[in-house]
Amino acid sequence: MSTLKYTNIIQFLAYAAIMASMIFIPVLAADELNASKFEIGIIFAGYALAVFVSSSEFADDKERAFSPLKNFDKI
């Protein structure tokens, strides 16, 4: 198998896990923990904030690591 095919499989499974957590966390919070709609909203607000912060941080790291100008002198 090519590396690209493995990358696509890993990316698919990662997105599937994210979507599954977005489906099951509110259901489990409501059923098992008797959380109100407000508490479930707070959980997802925290999740969205964590995704926003981490994605911007990882994007900055990627930009620094793979910047074409950084390795321009090695071409």
PDB file of N, CA and C in Angstrom:
ATOM      1  N   MET A   1       0.842  -1.197   0.000  1.00  0.00           N
ATOM      2  CA  MET A   1       0.000   0.000   0.000  1.00  0.00           C
ATOM      3  C   MET A   1       0.877   1.247   0.000  1.00  0.00           C
ATOM      4  N   SER A   2       0.413   2.233  -0.695  1.00  0.00           N
ATOM      5  CA  SER A   2       1.184   3.468  -0.737  1.00  0.00           C
ATOM      6  C   SER A   2       0.968   4.281   0.542  1.00  0.00           C
ATOM      7  N   THR A   3       1.890   5.186   0.777  1.00  0.00           N
ATOM      8  CA  THR A   3       1.808   6.029   1.969  1.00  0.00           C
ATOM      9  C   THR A   3       0.571   6.909   1.934  1.00  0.00           C
ATOM     10  N   LEU A   4       0.212   7.373   0.738  1.00  0.00           N
ATOM     11  CA  LEU A   4      -0.968   8.229   0.609  1.00  0.00           C
ATOM     12  C   LEU A   4      -2.235   7.479   1.008  1.00  0.00           C
ATOM     13  N   LYS A   5      -2.316   6.215   0.662  1.00  0.00           N
ATOM     14  CA  LYS A   5      -3.491   5.429   1.014  1.00  0.00           C
ATOM     15  C   LYS A   5      -3.586   5.262   2.537  1.00  0.00           C
ATOM     16  N   TYR A   6      -2.453   5.006   3.197  1.00  0.00           N
ATOM     17  CA  TYR A   6      -2.444   4.913   4.658  1.00  0.00           C
ATOM     18  C   TYR A   6      -2.844   6.242   5.292  1.00  0.00           C
ATOM     19  N   THR A   7      -2.364   7.316   4.711  1.00  0.00           N
ATOM     20  CA  THR A   7      -2.708   8.637   5.233  1.00  0.00           C
ATOM     21  C   THR A   7      -4.203   8.884   5.136  1.00  0.00           C
ATOM     22  N   ASN A   8      -4.800   8.495   4.031  1.00  0.00           N
ATOM     23  CA  ASN A   8      -6.243   8.682   3.861  1.00  0.00           C
ATOM     24  C   ASN A   8      -7.038   7.832   4.843  1.00  0.00           C
ATOM     25  N   ILE A   9      -6.585   6.620   5.085  1.00  0.00           N
ATOM     26  CA  ILE A   9      -7.278   5.750   6.045  1.00  0.00           C
ATOM     27  C   ILE A   9      -7.184   6.330   7.445  1.00  0.00           C
ATOM     28  N   ILE A  10      -5.997   6.789   7.837  1.00  0.00           N
ATOM     29  CA  ILE A  10      -5.814   7.375   9.167  1.00  0.00           C
ATOM     30  C   ILE A  10      -6.654   8.632   9.320  1.00  0.00           C
ATOM     31  N   GLN A  11      -6.679   9.459   8.284  1.00  0.00           N
ATOM     32  CA  GLN A  11      -7.475  10.687   8.350  1.00  0.00           C
ATOM     33  C   GLN A  11      -8.961  10.366   8.456  1.00  0.00           C
ATOM     34  N   PHE A  12      -9.420   9.379   7.711  1.00  0.00           N
ATOM     35  CA  PHE A  12     -10.828   8.972   7.792  1.00  0.00           C
ATOM     36  C   PHE A  12     -11.176   8.494   9.196  1.00  0.00           C
ATOM     37  N   LEU A  13     -10.322   7.657   9.785  1.00  0.00           N
ATOM     38  CA  LEU A  13     -10.600   7.143  11.125  1.00  0.00           C
ATOM     39  C   LEU A  13     -10.557   8.249  12.175  1.00  0.00           C
ATOM     40  N   ALA A  14      -9.661   9.214  12.008  1.00  0.00           N
ATOM     41  CA  ALA A  14      -9.600  10.321  12.959  1.00  0.00           C
ATOM     42  C   ALA A  14     -10.872  11.155  12.896  1.00  0.00           C
ATOM     43  N   TYR A  15     -11.337  11.471  11.696  1.00  0.00           N
ATOM     44  CA  TYR A  15     -12.574  12.242  11.563  1.00  0.00           C
ATOM     45  C   TYR A  15     -13.791  11.445  12.034  1.00  0.00           C
ATOM     46  N   ALA A  16     -13.777  10.139  11.810  1.00  0.00           N
ATOM     47  CA  ALA A  16     -14.878   9.302  12.300  1.00  0.00           C
ATOM     48  C   ALA A  16     -14.929   9.319  13.823  1.00  0.00           C
ATOM     49  N   ALA A  17     -13.768   9.286  14.464  1.00  0.00           N
ATOM     50  CA  ALA A  17     -13.720   9.335  15.927  1.00  0.00           C
ATOM     51  C   ALA A  17     -14.225  10.678  16.446  1.00  0.00           C
ATOM     52  N   ILE A  18     -13.863  11.752  15.770  1.00  0.00           N
ATOM     53  CA  ILE A  18     -14.327  13.079  16.185  1.00  0.00           C
ATOM     54  C   ILE A  18     -15.845  13.174  16.066  1.00  0.00           C
ATOM     55  N   MET A  19     -16.384  12.712  14.953  1.00  0.00           N
ATOM     56  CA  MET A  19     -17.832  12.782  14.755  1.00  0.00           C
ATOM     57  C   MET A  19     -18.567  11.864  15.735  1.00  0.00           C
ATOM     58  N   ALA A  20     -18.006  10.699  16.019  1.00  0.00           N
ATOM     59  CA  ALA A  20     -18.644   9.798  16.976  1.00  0.00           C
ATOM     60  C   ALA A  20     -18.672  10.426  18.366  1.00  0.00           C
ATOM     61  N   SER A  21     -17.590  11.114  18.741  1.00  0.00           N
ATOM     62  CA  SER A  21     -17.593  11.751  20.051  1.00  0.00           C
ATOM     63  C   SER A  21     -18.604  12.885  20.109  1.00  0.00           C
ATOM     64  N   MET A  22     -18.781  13.588  19.001  1.00  0.00           N
ATOM     65  CA  MET A  22     -19.758  14.679  18.990  1.00  0.00           C
ATOM     66  C   MET A  22     -21.189  14.147  19.062  1.00  0.00           C
ATOM     67  N   ILE A  23     -21.396  12.922  18.636  1.00  0.00           N
ATOM     68  CA  ILE A  23     -22.732  12.328  18.717  1.00  0.00           C
ATOM     69  C   ILE A  23     -22.985  11.746  20.101  1.00  0.00           C
ATOM     70  N   PHE A  24     -22.004  11.009  20.647  1.00  0.00           N
ATOM     71  CA  PHE A  24     -22.255  10.245  21.858  1.00  0.00           C
ATOM     72  C   PHE A  24     -22.026  11.002  23.156  1.00  0.00           C
ATOM     73  N   ILE A  25     -21.201  12.021  23.169  1.00  0.00           N
ATOM     74  CA  ILE A  25     -20.959  12.755  24.415  1.00  0.00           C
ATOM     75  C   ILE A  25     -22.235  13.408  24.947  1.00  0.00           C
ATOM     76  N   PRO A  26     -23.029  14.110  24.132  1.00  0.00           N
ATOM     77  CA  PRO A  26     -24.255  14.685  24.693  1.00  0.00           C
ATOM     78  C   PRO A  26     -25.262  13.632  25.154  1.00  0.00           C
ATOM     79  N   VAL A  27     -25.327  12.526  24.431  1.00  0.00           N
ATOM     80  CA  VAL A  27     -26.258  11.461  24.819  1.00  0.00           C
ATOM     81  C   VAL A  27     -25.844  10.865  26.163  1.00  0.00           C
ATOM     82  N   LEU A  28     -24.554  10.568  26.308  1.00  0.00           N
ATOM     83  CA  LEU A  28     -24.076  10.008  27.571  1.00  0.00           C
ATOM     84  C   LEU A  28     -24.177  11.014  28.710  1.00  0.00           C
ATOM     85  N   ALA A  29     -23.903  12.282  28.416  1.00  0.00           N
ATOM     86  CA  ALA A  29     -23.999  13.302  29.464  1.00  0.00           C
ATOM     87  C   ALA A  29     -25.433  13.450  29.939  1.00  0.00           C
ATOM     88  N   ALA A  30     -26.376  13.402  29.028  1.00  0.00           N
ATOM     89  CA  ALA A  30     -27.774  13.553  29.403  1.00  0.00           C
ATOM     90  C   ALA A  30     -28.301  12.315  30.134  1.00  0.00           C
ATOM     91  N   ASP A  31     -27.940  11.133  29.637  1.00  0.00           N
ATOM     92  CA  ASP A  31     -28.483   9.898  30.217  1.00  0.00           C
ATOM     93  C   ASP A  31     -27.772   9.483  31.506  1.00  0.00           C
ATOM     94  N   GLU A  32     -26.470   9.416  31.469  1.00  0.00           N
ATOM     95  CA  GLU A  32     -25.713   8.877  32.600  1.00  0.00           C
ATOM     96  C   GLU A  32     -25.471   9.914  33.696  1.00  0.00           C
ATOM     97  N   LEU A  33     -25.202  11.152  33.311  1.00  0.00           N
ATOM     98  CA  LEU A  33     -24.853  12.173  34.292  1.00  0.00           C
ATOM     99  C   LEU A  33     -26.008  13.110  34.612  1.00  0.00           C
ATOM    100  N   ASN A  34     -27.142  12.917  33.975  1.00  0.00           N
ATOM    101  CA  ASN A  34     -28.328  13.765  34.146  1.00  0.00           C
ATOM    102  C   ASN A  34     -27.985  15.247  33.948  1.00  0.00           C
ATOM    103  N   ALA A  35     -27.191  15.520  32.928  1.00  0.00           N
ATOM    104  CA  ALA A  35     -26.784  16.896  32.642  1.00  0.00           C
ATOM    105  C   ALA A  35     -27.924  17.642  31.959  1.00  0.00           C
ATOM    106  N   SER A  36     -28.037  18.910  32.298  1.00  0.00           N
ATOM    107  CA  SER A  36     -29.052  19.736  31.647  1.00  0.00           C
ATOM    108  C   SER A  36     -28.549  20.178  30.280  1.00  0.00           C
ATOM    109  N   LYS A  37     -29.446  20.787  29.500  1.00  0.00           N
ATOM    110  CA  LYS A  37     -29.050  21.270  28.178  1.00  0.00           C
ATOM    111  C   LYS A  37     -27.980  22.362  28.301  1.00  0.00           C
ATOM    112  N   PHE A  38     -28.058  23.165  29.350  1.00  0.00           N
ATOM    113  CA  PHE A  38     -27.052  24.199  29.564  1.00  0.00           C
ATOM    114  C   PHE A  38     -25.683  23.577  29.822  1.00  0.00           C
ATOM    115  N   GLU A  39     -25.637  22.535  30.646  1.00  0.00           N
ATOM    116  CA  GLU A  39     -24.363  21.877  30.945  1.00  0.00           C
ATOM    117  C   GLU A  39     -23.769  21.206  29.703  1.00  0.00           C
ATOM    118  N   ILE A  40     -24.611  20.615  28.900  1.00  0.00           N
ATOM    119  CA  ILE A  40     -24.133  20.021  27.651  1.00  0.00           C
ATOM    120  C   ILE A  40     -23.597  21.113  26.729  1.00  0.00           C
ATOM    121  N   GLY A  41     -24.250  22.261  26.710  1.00  0.00           N
ATOM    122  CA  GLY A  41     -23.759  23.388  25.921  1.00  0.00           C
ATOM    123  C   GLY A  41     -22.411  23.872  26.399  1.00  0.00           C
ATOM    124  N   ILE A  42     -22.202  23.894  27.717  1.00  0.00           N
ATOM    125  CA  ILE A  42     -20.911  24.296  28.281  1.00  0.00           C
ATOM    126  C   ILE A  42     -19.826  23.291  27.887  1.00  0.00           C
ATOM    127  N   ILE A  43     -20.160  22.006  27.906  1.00  0.00           N
ATOM    128  CA  ILE A  43     -19.201  20.976  27.501  1.00  0.00           C
ATOM    129  C   ILE A  43     -18.765  21.208  26.058  1.00  0.00           C
ATOM    130  N   PHE A  44     -19.724  21.458  25.180  1.00  0.00           N
ATOM    131  CA  PHE A  44     -19.377  21.649  23.776  1.00  0.00           C
ATOM    132  C   PHE A  44     -18.704  22.988  23.518  1.00  0.00           C
ATOM    133  N   ALA A  45     -19.019  23.985  24.297  1.00  0.00           N
ATOM    134  CA  ALA A  45     -18.311  25.261  24.156  1.00  0.00           C
ATOM    135  C   ALA A  45     -16.843  25.085  24.530  1.00  0.00           C
ATOM    136  N   GLY A  46     -16.579  24.343  25.582  1.00  0.00           N
ATOM    137  CA  GLY A  46     -15.196  24.054  25.963  1.00  0.00           C
ATOM    138  C   GLY A  46     -14.483  23.226  24.907  1.00  0.00           C
ATOM    139  N   TYR A  47     -15.181  22.273  24.339  1.00  0.00           N
ATOM    140  CA  TYR A  47     -14.606  21.447  23.277  1.00  0.00           C
ATOM    141  C   TYR A  47     -14.277  22.304  22.053  1.00  0.00           C
ATOM    142  N   ALA A  48     -15.196  23.171  21.658  1.00  0.00           N
ATOM    143  CA  ALA A  48     -14.965  24.029  20.493  1.00  0.00           C
ATOM    144  C   ALA A  48     -13.800  24.981  20.740  1.00  0.00           C
ATOM    145  N   LEU A  49     -13.707  25.515  21.937  1.00  0.00           N
ATOM    146  CA  LEU A  49     -12.592  26.400  22.272  1.00  0.00           C
ATOM    147  C   LEU A  49     -11.262  25.644  22.224  1.00  0.00           C
ATOM    148  N   ALA A  50     -11.241  24.417  22.751  1.00  0.00           N
ATOM    149  CA  ALA A  50     -10.013  23.616  22.721  1.00  0.00           C
ATOM    150  C   ALA A  50      -9.605  23.280  21.293  1.00  0.00           C
ATOM    151  N   VAL A  51     -10.559  22.962  20.440  1.00  0.00           N
ATOM    152  CA  VAL A  51     -10.254  22.671  19.034  1.00  0.00           C
ATOM    153  C   VAL A  51      -9.723  23.919  18.343  1.00  0.00           C
ATOM    154  N   PHE A  52     -10.328  25.067  18.605  1.00  0.00           N
ATOM    155  CA  PHE A  52      -9.888  26.317  17.986  1.00  0.00           C
ATOM    156  C   PHE A  52      -8.462  26.661  18.397  1.00  0.00           C
ATOM    157  N   VAL A  53      -8.173  26.583  19.687  1.00  0.00           N
ATOM    158  CA  VAL A  53      -6.836  26.937  20.177  1.00  0.00           C
ATOM    159  C   VAL A  53      -5.786  25.955  19.661  1.00  0.00           C
ATOM    160  N   SER A  54      -6.088  24.666  19.746  1.00  0.00           N
ATOM    161  CA  SER A  54      -5.093  23.677  19.321  1.00  0.00           C
ATOM    162  C   SER A  54      -4.887  23.699  17.812  1.00  0.00           C
ATOM    163  N   SER A  55      -5.935  23.931  17.033  1.00  0.00           N
ATOM    164  CA  SER A  55      -5.747  23.956  15.585  1.00  0.00           C
ATOM    165  C   SER A  55      -4.924  25.161  15.165  1.00  0.00           C
ATOM    166  N   SER A  56      -5.115  26.286  15.807  1.00  0.00           N
ATOM    167  CA  SER A  56      -4.308  27.450  15.447  1.00  0.00           C
ATOM    168  C   SER A  56      -2.861  27.260  15.884  1.00  0.00           C
ATOM    169  N   GLU A  57      -2.641  26.628  17.039  1.00  0.00           N
ATOM    170  CA  GLU A  57      -1.278  26.362  17.496  1.00  0.00           C
ATOM    171  C   GLU A  57      -0.571  25.375  16.573  1.00  0.00           C
ATOM    172  N   PHE A  58      -1.250  24.289  16.219  1.00  0.00           N
ATOM    173  CA  PHE A  58      -0.628  23.308  15.332  1.00  0.00           C
ATOM    174  C   PHE A  58      -0.411  23.871  13.945  1.00  0.00           C
ATOM    175  N   ALA A  59      -1.290  24.749  13.486  1.00  0.00           N
ATOM    176  CA  ALA A  59      -1.098  25.383  12.181  1.00  0.00           C
ATOM    177  C   ALA A  59       0.143  26.264  12.205  1.00  0.00           C
ATOM    178  N   ASP A  60       0.360  26.985  13.284  1.00  0.00           N
ATOM    179  CA  ASP A  60       1.564  27.810  13.400  1.00  0.00           C
ATOM    180  C   ASP A  60       2.818  26.941  13.423  1.00  0.00           C
ATOM    181  N   ASP A  61       2.767  25.828  14.147  1.00  0.00           N
ATOM    182  CA  ASP A  61       3.919  24.923  14.198  1.00  0.00           C
ATOM    183  C   ASP A  61       4.213  24.341  12.818  1.00  0.00           C
ATOM    184  N   LYS A  62       3.170  23.957  12.107  1.00  0.00           N
ATOM    185  CA  LYS A  62       3.342  23.410  10.764  1.00  0.00           C
ATOM    186  C   LYS A  62       3.927  24.458   9.836  1.00  0.00           C
ATOM    187  N   GLU A  63       3.434  25.666   9.954  1.00  0.00           N
ATOM    188  CA  GLU A  63       3.922  26.740   9.098  1.00  0.00           C
ATOM    189  C   GLU A  63       5.407  27.006   9.357  1.00  0.00           C
ATOM    190  N   ARG A  64       5.809  26.957  10.620  1.00  0.00           N
ATOM    191  CA  ARG A  64       7.218  27.170  10.938  1.00  0.00           C
ATOM    192  C   ARG A  64       8.082  26.005  10.461  1.00  0.00           C
ATOM    193  N   ALA A  65       7.579  24.794  10.586  1.00  0.00           N
ATOM    194  CA  ALA A  65       8.373  23.615  10.244  1.00  0.00           C
ATOM    195  C   ALA A  65       8.513  23.426   8.738  1.00  0.00           C
ATOM    196  N   PHE A  66       7.456  23.720   7.985  1.00  0.00           N
ATOM    197  CA  PHE A  66       7.453  23.430   6.559  1.00  0.00           C
ATOM    198  C   PHE A  66       7.430  24.681   5.698  1.00  0.00           C
ATOM    199  N   SER A  67       7.889  25.775   6.231  1.00  0.00           N
ATOM    200  CA  SER A  67       7.906  27.018   5.480  1.00  0.00           C
ATOM    201  C   SER A  67       8.891  26.910   4.316  1.00  0.00           C
ATOM    202  N   PRO A  68       8.468  27.273   3.107  1.00  0.00           N
ATOM    203  CA  PRO A  68       9.396  27.196   1.974  1.00  0.00           C
ATOM    204  C   PRO A  68      10.555  28.180   2.111  1.00  0.00           C
ATOM    205  N   LEU A  69      10.349  29.294   2.777  1.00  0.00           N
ATOM    206  CA  LEU A  69      11.416  30.264   2.933  1.00  0.00           C
ATOM    207  C   LEU A  69      12.482  29.790   3.919  1.00  0.00           C
ATOM    208  N   LYS A  70      12.093  28.940   4.837  1.00  0.00           N
ATOM    209  CA  LYS A  70      13.043  28.432   5.820  1.00  0.00           C
ATOM    210  C   LYS A  70      14.115  27.585   5.136  1.00  0.00           C
ATOM    211  N   ASN A  71      13.721  26.769   4.162  1.00  0.00           N
ATOM    212  CA  ASN A  71      14.639  25.874   3.498  1.00  0.00           C
ATOM    213  C   ASN A  71      15.042  26.378   2.110  1.00  0.00           C
ATOM    214  N   PHE A  72      14.862  27.663   1.865  1.00  0.00           N
ATOM    215  CA  PHE A  72      15.128  28.226   0.541  1.00  0.00           C
ATOM    216  C   PHE A  72      16.605  28.119   0.162  1.00  0.00           C
ATOM    217  N   ASP A  73      17.483  28.281   1.120  1.00  0.00           N
ATOM    218  CA  ASP A  73      18.908  28.248   0.814  1.00  0.00           C
ATOM    219  C   ASP A  73      19.423  26.848   0.504  1.00  0.00           C
ATOM    220  N   LYS A  74      18.626  25.804   0.803  1.00  0.00           N
ATOM    221  CA  LYS A  74      19.048  24.436   0.556  1.00  0.00           C
ATOM    222  C   LYS A  74      18.634  23.941  -0.827  1.00  0.00           C
ATOM    223  N   ILE A  75      17.935  24.752  -1.583  1.00  0.00           N
ATOM    224  CA  ILE A  75      17.459  24.331  -2.907  1.00  0.00           C
ATOM    225  C   ILE A  75      18.587  24.398  -3.908  1.00  0.00           C
TER     226      ILE A  75
END
